[in-house]
Amino acid sequence: MISDFDNETVMVSPTWSASGDEVFASRFRPDLNNYELGRFALNGKAERLAPIKPSPDAPRGT
């Protein structure tokens, strides 16, 4: 298990980092009908690398 998201979270396109200590994957957000890219370290730390905007005119947040 690489994240503590609920069982309904859809993670797609997982790939290992070159060093082998992180997994990159996209998470589908059904409430926004879009994907965001995340990095998941084997130690349990997760980071959103490309969060999605809540609306088309909203600034991109982190």
C-alpha atoms as a PDB file:
ATOM      1  CA  MET A   1       0.000   0.000   0.000  1.00  0.00           C
ATOM      2  CA  ILE A   2       1.494   3.324  -1.039  1.00  0.00           C
ATOM      3  CA  SER A   3      -1.121   5.742   0.283  1.00  0.00           C
ATOM      4  CA  ASP A   4      -3.803   6.129   2.911  1.00  0.00           C
ATOM      5  CA  PHE A   5      -6.522   7.121   0.426  1.00  0.00           C
ATOM      6  CA  ASP A   6      -9.829   5.332   0.799  1.00  0.00           C
ATOM      7  CA  ASN A   7     -10.579   2.189  -1.195  1.00  0.00           C
ATOM      8  CA  GLU A   8     -12.588   4.191  -3.741  1.00  0.00           C
ATOM      9  CA  THR A   9      -9.587   6.250  -4.902  1.00  0.00           C
ATOM     10  CA  VAL A  10      -8.518   5.354  -8.430  1.00  0.00           C
ATOM     11  CA  MET A  11      -4.745   5.443  -8.961  1.00  0.00           C
ATOM     12  CA  VAL A  12      -3.488   5.029 -12.545  1.00  0.00           C
ATOM     13  CA  SER A  13      -0.220   4.879 -14.487  1.00  0.00           C
ATOM     14  CA  PRO A  14       2.098   3.964 -11.593  1.00  0.00           C
ATOM     15  CA  THR A  15       5.816   4.017 -12.315  1.00  0.00           C
ATOM     16  CA  TRP A  16       8.900   3.564 -10.122  1.00  0.00           C
ATOM     17  CA  SER A  17      11.528   6.271  -9.740  1.00  0.00           C
ATOM     18  CA  ALA A  18      15.007   5.534 -11.104  1.00  0.00           C
ATOM     19  CA  SER A  19      16.284   5.114  -7.536  1.00  0.00           C
ATOM     20  CA  GLY A  20      13.502   2.633  -6.716  1.00  0.00           C
ATOM     21  CA  ASP A  21      12.422   4.360  -3.513  1.00  0.00           C
ATOM     22  CA  GLU A  22       9.375   6.257  -4.847  1.00  0.00           C
ATOM     23  CA  VAL A  23       6.322   5.560  -6.989  1.00  0.00           C
ATOM     24  CA  PHE A  24       4.707   8.184  -9.202  1.00  0.00           C
ATOM     25  CA  ALA A  25       1.006   7.774  -9.972  1.00  0.00           C
ATOM     26  CA  SER A  26      -1.978   9.793 -11.116  1.00  0.00           C
ATOM     27  CA  ARG A  27      -5.027   9.962  -8.866  1.00  0.00           C
ATOM     28  CA  PHE A  28      -8.475  10.369 -10.398  1.00  0.00           C
ATOM     29  CA  ARG A  29     -10.661  12.958  -8.648  1.00  0.00           C
ATOM     30  CA  PRO A  30     -14.288  12.143  -9.575  1.00  0.00           C
ATOM     31  CA  ASP A  31     -15.588  15.288  -7.865  1.00  0.00           C
ATOM     32  CA  LEU A  32     -13.525  17.384 -10.318  1.00  0.00           C
ATOM     33  CA  ASN A  33     -13.536  14.861 -13.200  1.00  0.00           C
ATOM     34  CA  ASN A  34      -9.759  15.181 -13.539  1.00  0.00           C
ATOM     35  CA  TYR A  35      -6.405  13.663 -12.516  1.00  0.00           C
ATOM     36  CA  GLU A  36      -3.546  14.902 -10.325  1.00  0.00           C
ATOM     37  CA  LEU A  37       0.022  13.573 -10.249  1.00  0.00           C
ATOM     38  CA  GLY A  38       1.541  12.431  -6.993  1.00  0.00           C
ATOM     39  CA  ARG A  39       4.834  11.050  -5.678  1.00  0.00           C
ATOM     40  CA  PHE A  40       4.679   8.347  -3.013  1.00  0.00           C
ATOM     41  CA  ALA A  41       7.818   7.454  -1.077  1.00  0.00           C
ATOM     42  CA  LEU A  42       8.210   4.005   0.416  1.00  0.00           C
ATOM     43  CA  ASN A  43       8.447   5.594   3.872  1.00  0.00           C
ATOM     44  CA  GLY A  44       4.803   6.706   3.549  1.00  0.00           C
ATOM     45  CA  LYS A  45       5.366  10.337   2.590  1.00  0.00           C
ATOM     46  CA  ALA A  46       3.124  11.547  -0.247  1.00  0.00           C
ATOM     47  CA  GLU A  47       3.390  14.756  -2.261  1.00  0.00           C
ATOM     48  CA  ARG A  48       1.129  16.208  -4.939  1.00  0.00           C
ATOM     49  CA  LEU A  49       3.313  17.247  -7.861  1.00  0.00           C
ATOM     50  CA  ALA A  50       0.609  18.510 -10.200  1.00  0.00           C
ATOM     51  CA  PRO A  51      -2.582  19.293  -8.312  1.00  0.00           C
ATOM     52  CA  ILE A  52      -5.642  20.094 -10.373  1.00  0.00           C
ATOM     53  CA  LYS A  53      -7.558  23.330 -10.272  1.00  0.00           C
ATOM     54  CA  PRO A  54     -11.037  23.247  -8.681  1.00  0.00           C
ATOM     55  CA  SER A  55     -12.375  25.296 -11.624  1.00  0.00           C
ATOM     56  CA  PRO A  56     -10.956  26.390 -14.990  1.00  0.00           C
ATOM     57  CA  ASP A  57     -10.482  30.013 -13.871  1.00  0.00           C
ATOM     58  CA  ALA A  58      -8.919  29.219 -10.471  1.00  0.00           C
ATOM     59  CA  PRO A  59      -5.153  29.669  -9.959  1.00  0.00           C
ATOM     60  CA  ARG A  60      -3.146  26.444  -9.722  1.00  0.00           C
ATOM     61  CA  GLY A  61      -2.456  25.649  -6.066  1.00  0.00           C
ATOM     62  CA  THR A  62       0.000  23.339  -4.329  1.00  0.00           C
END
